[in-house]
C-alpha atoms as a PDB file:
ATOM      1  CA  MET A   1      24.863  -0.725 -23.536  1.00  0.00           C
ATOM      2  CA  ASP A   2      21.729   2.306 -23.337  1.00  0.00           C
ATOM      3  CA  PHE A   3      18.655  -0.193 -22.727  1.00  0.00           C
ATOM      4  CA  ASN A   4      16.477   2.888 -22.976  1.00  0.00           C
ATOM      5  CA  ARG A   5      17.446   4.913 -25.030  1.00  0.00           C
ATOM      6  CA  GLY A   6      14.802   5.734 -28.248  1.00  0.00           C
ATOM      7  CA  TRP A   7      12.456   4.478 -26.248  1.00  0.00           C
ATOM      8  CA  ALA A   8       9.629   7.016 -24.000  1.00  0.00           C
ATOM      9  CA  ALA A   9       8.671   6.378 -20.278  1.00  0.00           C
ATOM     10  CA  ALA A  10       5.203   4.369 -19.823  1.00  0.00           C
ATOM     11  CA  PRO A  11       2.670   7.334 -18.981  1.00  0.00           C
ATOM     12  CA  ILE A  12       2.039   6.382 -15.350  1.00  0.00           C
ATOM     13  CA  LYS A  13      -1.079   7.217 -13.801  1.00  0.00           C
ATOM     14  CA  ILE A  14      -1.656   9.176 -10.432  1.00  0.00           C
ATOM     15  CA  VAL A  15      -3.977   9.127  -7.808  1.00  0.00           C
ATOM     16  CA  PHE A  16      -4.233  12.664  -5.668  1.00  0.00           C
ATOM     17  CA  LEU A  17      -5.364  11.573  -2.044  1.00  0.00           C
ATOM     18  CA  ASP A  18      -6.519  13.506   0.606  1.00  0.00           C
ATOM     19  CA  PHE A  19      -6.826  11.524   3.782  1.00  0.00           C
ATOM     20  CA  ASP A  20      -9.815  13.292   5.659  1.00  0.00           C
ATOM     21  CA  GLY A  21     -12.987  12.334   5.363  1.00  0.00           C
ATOM     22  CA  VAL A  22     -11.493  10.053   2.352  1.00  0.00           C
ATOM     23  CA  ILE A  23      -9.468   7.673   3.920  1.00  0.00           C
ATOM     24  CA  ILE A  24      -9.853   8.699   7.738  1.00  0.00           C
ATOM     25  CA  THR A  25     -13.707   8.772   8.795  1.00  0.00           C
ATOM     26  CA  PRO A  26     -14.857   9.926  12.536  1.00  0.00           C
ATOM     27  CA  GLU A  27     -16.081   6.038  12.897  1.00  0.00           C
ATOM     28  CA  SER A  28     -12.036   5.851  12.495  1.00  0.00           C
ATOM     29  CA  SER A  29     -10.742   8.594  13.985  1.00  0.00           C
ATOM     30  CA  PHE A  30     -11.697   6.895  17.298  1.00  0.00           C
ATOM     31  CA  ARG A  31      -9.201   4.286  16.907  1.00  0.00           C
ATOM     32  CA  ARG A  32      -5.532   6.097  17.982  1.00  0.00           C
ATOM     33  CA  ILE A  33      -2.365   4.166  16.394  1.00  0.00           C
ATOM     34  CA  GLY A  34      -0.400   6.625  19.286  1.00  0.00           C
ATOM     35  CA  PRO A  35      -0.955  10.223  18.990  1.00  0.00           C
ATOM     36  CA  LEU A  36      -2.943   9.261  15.435  1.00  0.00           C
ATOM     37  CA  GLU A  37      -5.618   8.255  14.012  1.00  0.00           C
ATOM     38  CA  ALA A  38      -6.046   5.056  12.378  1.00  0.00           C
ATOM     39  CA  ALA A  39      -7.589   4.685   8.836  1.00  0.00           C
ATOM     40  CA  HIS A  40     -10.631   3.157   8.140  1.00  0.00           C
ATOM     41  CA  PRO A  41     -10.238   0.041   7.111  1.00  0.00           C
ATOM     42  CA  LYS A  42     -12.791  -0.255   4.133  1.00  0.00           C
ATOM     43  CA  ALA A  43     -11.378   2.780   2.593  1.00  0.00           C
ATOM     44  CA  ILE A  44      -8.504   1.367   2.918  1.00  0.00           C
ATOM     45  CA  GLU A  45      -9.888  -1.822   0.633  1.00  0.00           C
ATOM     46  CA  ALA A  46     -10.802   0.143  -1.245  1.00  0.00           C
ATOM     47  CA  LEU A  47      -8.194   2.424  -1.778  1.00  0.00           C
ATOM     48  CA  ASN A  48      -5.699  -0.777  -2.547  1.00  0.00           C
ATOM     49  CA  TYR A  49      -8.281  -2.357  -4.768  1.00  0.00           C
ATOM     50  CA  LEU A  50      -8.084   1.058  -7.037  1.00  0.00           C
ATOM     51  CA  LEU A  51      -4.235   1.513  -6.683  1.00  0.00           C
ATOM     52  CA  SER A  52      -4.046  -2.758  -7.517  1.00  0.00           C
ATOM     53  CA  GLU A  53      -6.250  -2.187 -10.501  1.00  0.00           C
ATOM     54  CA  THR A  54      -4.730   0.373 -12.528  1.00  0.00           C
ATOM     55  CA  GLY A  55      -1.383   0.493 -10.998  1.00  0.00           C
ATOM     56  CA  ALA A  56      -1.126   3.773 -10.742  1.00  0.00           C
ATOM     57  CA  ARG A  57       0.873   6.181  -8.408  1.00  0.00           C
ATOM     58  CA  LEU A  58      -0.227   8.000  -4.728  1.00  0.00           C
ATOM     59  CA  VAL A  59       0.564  12.226  -4.678  1.00  0.00           C
ATOM     60  CA  ILE A  60      -0.480  13.364  -1.633  1.00  0.00           C
ATOM     61  CA  SER A  61      -2.835  16.047  -1.246  1.00  0.00           C
ATOM     62  CA  SER A  62      -4.137  16.171   1.813  1.00  0.00           C
ATOM     63  CA  THR A  63      -2.800  18.632   4.561  1.00  0.00           C
ATOM     64  CA  TRP A  64      -1.345  16.159   7.170  1.00  0.00           C
ATOM     65  CA  ARG A  65       1.511  17.055   4.351  1.00  0.00           C
ATOM     66  CA  GLU A  66       2.179  20.684   6.357  1.00  0.00           C
ATOM     67  CA  ASP A  67       2.998  18.123   9.708  1.00  0.00           C
ATOM     68  CA  TYR A  68       4.803  15.258   8.277  1.00  0.00           C
ATOM     69  CA  SER A  69       7.738  14.654   5.756  1.00  0.00           C
ATOM     70  CA  VAL A  70       7.110  12.465   2.626  1.00  0.00           C
ATOM     71  CA  GLU A  71       8.773  10.182   4.811  1.00  0.00           C
ATOM     72  CA  GLU A  72       6.981   9.638   7.707  1.00  0.00           C
ATOM     73  CA  LEU A  73       3.558   9.911   5.183  1.00  0.00           C
ATOM     74  CA  ARG A  74       4.904   6.595   3.192  1.00  0.00           C
ATOM     75  CA  LYS A  75       5.614   4.729   6.465  1.00  0.00           C
ATOM     76  CA  LEU A  76       2.039   6.142   8.161  1.00  0.00           C
ATOM     77  CA  LEU A  77       0.305   4.990   4.426  1.00  0.00           C
ATOM     78  CA  LYS A  78       2.521   1.694   4.503  1.00  0.00           C
ATOM     79  CA  GLY A  79       1.589   0.957   8.581  1.00  0.00           C
ATOM     80  CA  TRP A  80      -2.184   1.362   7.607  1.00  0.00           C
ATOM     81  CA  GLY A  81      -1.545  -0.896   4.055  1.00  0.00           C
ATOM     82  CA  VAL A  82      -2.139   0.603   1.494  1.00  0.00           C
ATOM     83  CA  ALA A  83       0.012  -0.300  -1.384  1.00  0.00           C
ATOM     84  CA  ALA A  84       1.697   1.337  -3.354  1.00  0.00           C
ATOM     85  CA  GLU A  85       4.812   3.780  -4.665  1.00  0.00           C
ATOM     86  CA  ILE A  86       3.680   7.445  -3.032  1.00  0.00           C
ATOM     87  CA  LEU A  87       5.608   9.899  -5.709  1.00  0.00           C
ATOM     88  CA  GLY A  88       5.609  12.741  -2.976  1.00  0.00           C
ATOM     89  CA  THR A  89       2.749  15.469  -1.822  1.00  0.00           C
ATOM     90  CA  THR A  90       1.334  18.342  -3.983  1.00  0.00           C
ATOM     91  CA  PRO A  91       3.204  22.579  -2.853  1.00  0.00           C
ATOM     92  CA  LEU A  92       1.119  24.395  -0.071  1.00  0.00           C
ATOM     93  CA  LEU A  93      -1.011  26.649  -2.084  1.00  0.00           C
ATOM     94  CA  ASP A  94      -4.356  28.623  -1.615  1.00  0.00           C
ATOM     95  CA  GLN A  95      -6.978  26.146  -3.337  1.00  0.00           C
ATOM     96  CA  ARG A  96      -6.524  22.536  -3.496  1.00  0.00           C
ATOM     97  CA  SER A  97      -6.888  22.721  -7.131  1.00  0.00           C
ATOM     98  CA  GLU A  98      -3.921  24.583  -7.714  1.00  0.00           C
ATOM     99  CA  GLU A  99      -1.734  23.124  -5.946  1.00  0.00           C
ATOM    100  CA  ILE A 100      -2.605  19.746  -7.765  1.00  0.00           C
ATOM    101  CA  GLN A 101      -2.668  22.018 -11.028  1.00  0.00           C
ATOM    102  CA  SER A 102       0.677  22.781 -10.012  1.00  0.00           C
ATOM    103  CA  TRP A 103       2.358  19.429  -9.355  1.00  0.00           C
ATOM    104  CA  LEU A 104       1.272  18.005 -12.978  1.00  0.00           C
ATOM    105  CA  ASP A 105       2.754  20.806 -14.533  1.00  0.00           C
ATOM    106  CA  GLU A 106       5.758  19.824 -12.309  1.00  0.00           C
ATOM    107  CA  CYS A 107       6.319  16.752 -13.073  1.00  0.00           C
ATOM    108  CA  SER A 108       9.109  15.418 -15.187  1.00  0.00           C
ATOM    109  CA  LEU A 109       6.490  12.036 -15.684  1.00  0.00           C
ATOM    110  CA  PRO A 110       4.895  11.497 -18.288  1.00  0.00           C
ATOM    111  CA  ILE A 111       1.300  11.699 -16.964  1.00  0.00           C
ATOM    112  CA  GLY A 112      -1.166   9.063 -18.704  1.00  0.00           C
ATOM    113  CA  ALA A 113      -3.765   9.542 -16.875  1.00  0.00           C
ATOM    114  CA  PHE A 114      -4.931  11.533 -13.482  1.00  0.00           C
ATOM    115  CA  VAL A 115      -7.952  11.183 -10.369  1.00  0.00           C
ATOM    116  CA  ILE A 116      -8.548  13.318  -7.282  1.00  0.00           C
ATOM    117  CA  LEU A 117      -9.862  11.426  -4.489  1.00  0.00           C
ATOM    118  CA  ASP A 118     -11.123  14.113  -2.191  1.00  0.00           C
ATOM    119  CA  ASP A 119     -14.075  15.291   0.468  1.00  0.00           C
ATOM    120  CA  MET A 120     -13.580  18.616  -0.389  1.00  0.00           C
ATOM    121  CA  THR A 121     -15.390  19.706  -3.969  1.00  0.00           C
ATOM    122  CA  ASP A 122     -13.928  23.261  -4.873  1.00  0.00           C
ATOM    123  CA  MET A 123     -11.695  21.744  -7.956  1.00  0.00           C
ATOM    124  CA  GLY A 124     -12.391  24.182 -10.411  1.00  0.00           C
ATOM    125  CA  HIS A 125     -11.146  22.879 -13.805  1.00  0.00           C
ATOM    126  CA  LEU A 126      -9.895  19.686 -12.573  1.00  0.00           C
ATOM    127  CA  ALA A 127     -13.463  19.516 -11.278  1.00  0.00           C
ATOM    128  CA  SER A 128     -14.282  16.169 -14.288  1.00  0.00           C
ATOM    129  CA  ARG A 129     -11.108  13.916 -12.850  1.00  0.00           C
ATOM    130  CA  LEU A 130     -12.673  14.130  -8.926  1.00  0.00           C
ATOM    131  CA  ILE A 131     -14.333  11.464  -6.878  1.00  0.00           C
ATOM    132  CA  ASN A 132     -16.612  13.364  -4.312  1.00  0.00           C
ATOM    133  CA  THR A 133     -15.910  11.341  -1.037  1.00  0.00           C
ATOM    134  CA  ASP A 134     -18.542  11.622   2.397  1.00  0.00           C
ATOM    135  CA  PHE A 135     -16.452  13.099   5.561  1.00  0.00           C
ATOM    136  CA  GLU A 136     -18.136  10.754   7.750  1.00  0.00           C
ATOM    137  CA  THR A 137     -18.308   7.779   5.159  1.00  0.00           C
ATOM    138  CA  GLY A 138     -14.622   8.249   3.226  1.00  0.00           C
ATOM    139  CA  LEU A 139     -13.614   6.288   0.883  1.00  0.00           C
ATOM    140  CA  THR A 140     -16.009   3.421  -0.546  1.00  0.00           C
ATOM    141  CA  MET A 141     -16.064  -0.036  -3.182  1.00  0.00           C
ATOM    142  CA  SER A 142     -18.148   2.120  -5.656  1.00  0.00           C
ATOM    143  CA  HIS A 143     -15.697   5.458  -5.869  1.00  0.00           C
ATOM    144  CA  ALA A 144     -12.784   3.871  -6.047  1.00  0.00           C
ATOM    145  CA  VAL A 145     -14.773   1.586  -9.040  1.00  0.00           C
ATOM    146  CA  ALA A 146     -15.378   5.084 -10.502  1.00  0.00           C
ATOM    147  CA  ALA A 147     -11.971   5.861  -9.888  1.00  0.00           C
ATOM    148  CA  ARG A 148     -10.837   3.668 -11.945  1.00  0.00           C
ATOM    149  CA  ASP A 149     -13.007   4.034 -14.310  1.00  0.00           C
ATOM    150  CA  LEU A 150     -11.721   7.416 -14.802  1.00  0.00           C
ATOM    151  CA  LEU A 151      -7.818   5.739 -14.849  1.00  0.00           C
ATOM    152  CA  ILE A 152      -8.739   3.550 -17.144  1.00  0.00           C
ATOM    153  CA  ALA A 153      -8.233   3.660 -21.445  1.00  0.00           C
ATOM    154  CA  PRO A 154     -10.412   2.304 -22.937  1.00  0.00           C
ATOM    155  CA  GLY A 155      -8.974  -0.968 -24.227  1.00  0.00           C
ATOM    156  CA  ASP A 156      -6.688  -2.003 -21.288  1.00  0.00           C
ATOM    157  CA  GLN A 157      -7.198  -4.506 -19.052  1.00  0.00           C
ATOM    158  CA  ARG A 158      -9.188  -4.350 -15.974  1.00  0.00           C
ATOM    159  CA  SER A 159     -11.906  -6.490 -14.361  1.00  0.00           C
ATOM    160  CA  ASP A 160     -15.363  -5.968 -14.423  1.00  0.00           C
ATOM    161  CA  LYS A 161     -16.767  -6.814 -11.376  1.00  0.00           C
ATOM    162  CA  GLU A 162     -15.752  -5.598  -8.020  1.00  0.00           C
ATOM    163  CA  PRO A 163     -14.064  -7.750  -6.008  1.00  0.00           C
ATOM    164  CA  SER A 164     -14.603 -10.499  -2.912  1.00  0.00           C
ATOM    165  CA  TRP A 165     -13.767  -8.738   0.810  1.00  0.00           C
ATOM    166  CA  PRO A 166     -10.907  -8.769   2.224  1.00  0.00           C
ATOM    167  CA  LEU A 167      -8.182  -7.695  -0.197  1.00  0.00           C
ATOM    168  CA  LEU A 168      -5.043  -5.997   1.398  1.00  0.00           C
ATOM    169  CA  SER A 169      -6.142  -6.394   4.702  1.00  0.00           C
ATOM    170  CA  PRO A 170      -5.002  -2.809   6.327  1.00  0.00           C
ATOM    171  CA  ARG A 171      -2.612  -3.303   9.081  1.00  0.00           C
ATOM    172  CA  ASP A 172      -1.937  -1.070  12.844  1.00  0.00           C
ATOM    173  CA  SER A 173       1.468   0.235  13.422  1.00  0.00           C
ATOM    174  CA  THR A 174       2.821  -3.505  14.799  1.00  0.00           C
ATOM    175  CA  GLY A 175       1.379  -5.146  11.530  1.00  0.00           C
ATOM    176  CA  THR A 176      -0.920  -7.098  12.471  1.00  0.00           C
ATOM    177  CA  PRO A 177      -3.883  -6.904  10.729  1.00  0.00           C
ATOM    178  CA  ILE A 178      -7.130  -4.719  10.778  1.00  0.00           C
ATOM    179  CA  ARG A 179     -10.486  -6.114  11.317  1.00  0.00           C
ATOM    180  CA  SER A 180     -13.678  -3.904  10.358  1.00  0.00           C
ATOM    181  CA  SER A 181     -15.477  -5.205  14.332  1.00  0.00           C
ATOM    182  CA  MET A 182     -12.748  -3.624  15.064  1.00  0.00           C
ATOM    183  CA  VAL A 183     -12.508  -0.576  13.775  1.00  0.00           C
ATOM    184  CA  ARG A 184     -15.618   1.046  16.889  1.00  0.00           C
END
């Protein structure tokens, strides 16, 4: 018996995620996991807050997608402590906004809302969905709250307060929690 017949899939929420200047900052790039930079623990906590509050899924828009497969990116994000389903990556085109729009156009899932986390500002017609981070500091809790508000429709359940720290702790490649004091 097909229980899904006649039921429309619930719209999903998407976070388009850049890495450099969002979850990787100059401070965190001095800390290495093998040959790779580590994500900033506070940025990962803010990202996990956003994802847990909204149930959003990730699409990687970072240039890292040029060098790593989707599966490698999943493992990398998991190693950094990101708790989310990763749907894939945007295609490689001339501009980030074109890449995101192309992914949206080709997606077969119903999309209820999306947000772009990026330190670049040229998002063209998608600028109203951009949470613009600073390359030096990356994603902050203020950014995460603003992104949450873009993803949550009026009437949806959500917390109106910022969470107390820590949330889901980012982890190194061995699974050991990374503490902010460990990042220099």
